[in-house]
Amino acid sequence: MKASRRGDAKVVIIILVVVFGVMALLCAGIVVALLVPAIGQARMAAQRMQSQNNLKVIGLALHNYHDTYGTLPPAYIPDEDGQPMHSWRVLILPFVEANHIYAQYD
């Protein structure tokens, strides 16, 4: 007597599809796990470079202020009562190419 094996092929195909699906998910998870730290490191490097660039611009503005006025900007400019009116950051605005903001400052 021969045993009928018609239904066995469907079961094998289903099992293979499930196994390959799980393996694909595992591989995708590993790839994502490897890429996430790399993306975070690239973002941190870009932020670090932006901060360094901002500091260079501020340093250059302070040098240009000194070349123009012969001194570095004071920490603040007091009003009539001796209270701080605005700080050195406002004074260097024209030297960081922010004339439009400096013109609006009151």
C-alpha atoms as a PDB file:
ATOM      1  CA  MET A   1       0.000   0.000   0.000  1.00  0.00           C
ATOM      2  CA  LYS A   2       1.094   3.418  -0.950  1.00  0.00           C
ATOM      3  CA  ALA A   3       0.447   6.314   1.342  1.00  0.00           C
ATOM      4  CA  SER A   4      -0.961   9.448  -0.245  1.00  0.00           C
ATOM      5  CA  ARG A   5       1.315  12.492   0.119  1.00  0.00           C
ATOM      6  CA  ARG A   6      -0.686  15.182  -1.649  1.00  0.00           C
ATOM      7  CA  GLY A   7      -1.163  17.428   1.387  1.00  0.00           C
ATOM      8  CA  ASP A   8       2.475  17.208   2.463  1.00  0.00           C
ATOM      9  CA  ALA A   9       3.728  19.508  -0.324  1.00  0.00           C
ATOM     10  CA  LYS A  10       1.477  22.353   0.826  1.00  0.00           C
ATOM     11  CA  VAL A  11       2.644  22.009   4.407  1.00  0.00           C
ATOM     12  CA  VAL A  12       6.304  22.032   3.331  1.00  0.00           C
ATOM     13  CA  ILE A  13       5.787  25.144   1.221  1.00  0.00           C
ATOM     14  CA  ILE A  14       4.048  26.939   4.089  1.00  0.00           C
ATOM     15  CA  ILE A  15       6.817  25.994   6.497  1.00  0.00           C
ATOM     16  CA  LEU A  16       9.499  27.178   4.038  1.00  0.00           C
ATOM     17  CA  VAL A  17       7.713  30.499   3.509  1.00  0.00           C
ATOM     18  CA  VAL A  18       7.434  31.026   7.274  1.00  0.00           C
ATOM     19  CA  VAL A  19      11.111  30.120   7.845  1.00  0.00           C
ATOM     20  CA  PHE A  20      12.333  32.420   5.064  1.00  0.00           C
ATOM     21  CA  GLY A  21      10.047  35.195   6.303  1.00  0.00           C
ATOM     22  CA  VAL A  22      11.439  34.954   9.830  1.00  0.00           C
ATOM     23  CA  MET A  23      15.005  34.906   8.468  1.00  0.00           C
ATOM     24  CA  ALA A  24      14.284  37.997   6.357  1.00  0.00           C
ATOM     25  CA  LEU A  25      12.895  39.830   9.391  1.00  0.00           C
ATOM     26  CA  LEU A  26      15.953  38.885  11.435  1.00  0.00           C
ATOM     27  CA  CYS A  27      18.297  40.105   8.703  1.00  0.00           C
ATOM     28  CA  ALA A  28      16.372  43.357   8.370  1.00  0.00           C
ATOM     29  CA  GLY A  29      16.512  43.822  12.139  1.00  0.00           C
ATOM     30  CA  ILE A  30      20.267  43.301  12.152  1.00  0.00           C
ATOM     31  CA  VAL A  31      20.728  45.805   9.321  1.00  0.00           C
ATOM     32  CA  VAL A  32      18.608  48.391  11.138  1.00  0.00           C
ATOM     33  CA  ALA A  33      20.483  47.759  14.390  1.00  0.00           C
ATOM     34  CA  LEU A  34      23.759  48.427  12.588  1.00  0.00           C
ATOM     35  CA  LEU A  35      22.551  51.539  10.762  1.00  0.00           C
ATOM     36  CA  VAL A  36      20.892  53.380  13.673  1.00  0.00           C
ATOM     37  CA  PRO A  37      24.139  54.081  15.578  1.00  0.00           C
ATOM     38  CA  ALA A  38      25.860  55.151  12.364  1.00  0.00           C
ATOM     39  CA  ILE A  39      23.090  57.639  11.610  1.00  0.00           C
ATOM     40  CA  GLY A  40      23.263  58.979  15.170  1.00  0.00           C
ATOM     41  CA  GLN A  41      27.029  59.406  14.922  1.00  0.00           C
ATOM     42  CA  ALA A  42      26.707  61.228  11.612  1.00  0.00           C
ATOM     43  CA  ARG A  43      24.090  63.563  13.117  1.00  0.00           C
ATOM     44  CA  MET A  44      26.329  64.288  16.116  1.00  0.00           C
ATOM     45  CA  ALA A  45      29.287  64.986  13.831  1.00  0.00           C
ATOM     46  CA  ALA A  46      27.189  67.420  11.788  1.00  0.00           C
ATOM     47  CA  GLN A  47      26.026  69.205  14.955  1.00  0.00           C
ATOM     48  CA  ARG A  48      29.617  69.415  16.194  1.00  0.00           C
ATOM     49  CA  MET A  49      30.757  70.922  12.890  1.00  0.00           C
ATOM     50  CA  GLN A  50      27.903  73.447  12.990  1.00  0.00           C
ATOM     51  CA  SER A  51      28.863  74.474  16.527  1.00  0.00           C
ATOM     52  CA  GLN A  52      32.504  74.862  15.535  1.00  0.00           C
ATOM     53  CA  ASN A  53      31.472  76.995  12.570  1.00  0.00           C
ATOM     54  CA  ASN A  54      29.298  79.206  14.796  1.00  0.00           C
ATOM     55  CA  LEU A  55      32.207  79.728  17.207  1.00  0.00           C
ATOM     56  CA  LYS A  56      34.500  80.658  14.312  1.00  0.00           C
ATOM     57  CA  VAL A  57      31.967  83.210  13.062  1.00  0.00           C
ATOM     58  CA  ILE A  58      31.673  84.740  16.547  1.00  0.00           C
ATOM     59  CA  GLY A  59      35.468  84.865  16.912  1.00  0.00           C
ATOM     60  CA  LEU A  60      35.840  86.521  13.522  1.00  0.00           C
ATOM     61  CA  ALA A  61      33.107  89.031  14.400  1.00  0.00           C
ATOM     62  CA  LEU A  62      34.911  89.908  17.639  1.00  0.00           C
ATOM     63  CA  HIS A  63      38.149  90.444  15.712  1.00  0.00           C
ATOM     64  CA  ASN A  64      36.378  92.622  13.154  1.00  0.00           C
ATOM     65  CA  TYR A  65      34.727  94.647  15.937  1.00  0.00           C
ATOM     66  CA  HIS A  66      38.167  95.159  17.479  1.00  0.00           C
ATOM     67  CA  ASP A  67      39.642  96.230  14.138  1.00  0.00           C
ATOM     68  CA  THR A  68      36.803  98.742  13.681  1.00  0.00           C
ATOM     69  CA  TYR A  69      36.596 100.222  17.192  1.00  0.00           C
ATOM     70  CA  GLY A  70      40.047  99.452  18.648  1.00  0.00           C
ATOM     71  CA  THR A  71      38.603  97.460  21.553  1.00  0.00           C
ATOM     72  CA  LEU A  72      36.506  94.399  22.181  1.00  0.00           C
ATOM     73  CA  PRO A  73      32.810  95.000  22.821  1.00  0.00           C
ATOM     74  CA  PRO A  74      31.843  95.598  26.453  1.00  0.00           C
ATOM     75  CA  ALA A  75      29.901  92.917  28.301  1.00  0.00           C
ATOM     76  CA  TYR A  76      26.838  95.168  28.252  1.00  0.00           C
ATOM     77  CA  ILE A  77      25.786  98.743  27.582  1.00  0.00           C
ATOM     78  CA  PRO A  78      23.990 100.289  30.589  1.00  0.00           C
ATOM     79  CA  ASP A  79      21.001 102.607  30.367  1.00  0.00           C
ATOM     80  CA  GLU A  80      20.653 105.874  32.311  1.00  0.00           C
ATOM     81  CA  ASP A  81      19.901 103.954  35.525  1.00  0.00           C
ATOM     82  CA  GLY A  82      22.940 101.701  35.171  1.00  0.00           C
ATOM     83  CA  GLN A  83      20.841  98.657  34.239  1.00  0.00           C
ATOM     84  CA  PRO A  84      22.069  96.480  31.366  1.00  0.00           C
ATOM     85  CA  MET A  85      20.387  97.606  28.177  1.00  0.00           C
ATOM     86  CA  HIS A  86      21.941  95.129  25.734  1.00  0.00           C
ATOM     87  CA  SER A  87      25.009  92.908  25.564  1.00  0.00           C
ATOM     88  CA  TRP A  88      27.985  92.367  23.336  1.00  0.00           C
ATOM     89  CA  ARG A  89      25.928  89.974  21.212  1.00  0.00           C
ATOM     90  CA  VAL A  90      23.888  92.873  19.895  1.00  0.00           C
ATOM     91  CA  LEU A  91      27.026  94.885  19.163  1.00  0.00           C
ATOM     92  CA  ILE A  92      28.555  92.193  16.962  1.00  0.00           C
ATOM     93  CA  LEU A  93      25.406  91.598  14.874  1.00  0.00           C
ATOM     94  CA  PRO A  94      26.664  93.772  11.974  1.00  0.00           C
ATOM     95  CA  PHE A  95      29.867  91.734  11.937  1.00  0.00           C
ATOM     96  CA  VAL A  96      28.062  88.384  11.623  1.00  0.00           C
ATOM     97  CA  GLU A  97      26.147  89.582   8.574  1.00  0.00           C
ATOM     98  CA  ALA A  98      22.974  90.190  10.567  1.00  0.00           C
ATOM     99  CA  ASN A  99      22.499  93.873   9.715  1.00  0.00           C
ATOM    100  CA  HIS A 100      18.771  93.357   9.200  1.00  0.00           C
ATOM    101  CA  ILE A 101      18.397  92.140  12.808  1.00  0.00           C
ATOM    102  CA  TYR A 102      20.627  94.930  14.133  1.00  0.00           C
ATOM    103  CA  ALA A 103      18.531  97.509  12.275  1.00  0.00           C
ATOM    104  CA  GLN A 104      15.356  96.150  13.909  1.00  0.00           C
ATOM    105  CA  TYR A 105      16.844  96.206  17.419  1.00  0.00           C
ATOM    106  CA  ASP A 106      15.454  98.966  19.618  1.00  0.00           C
END
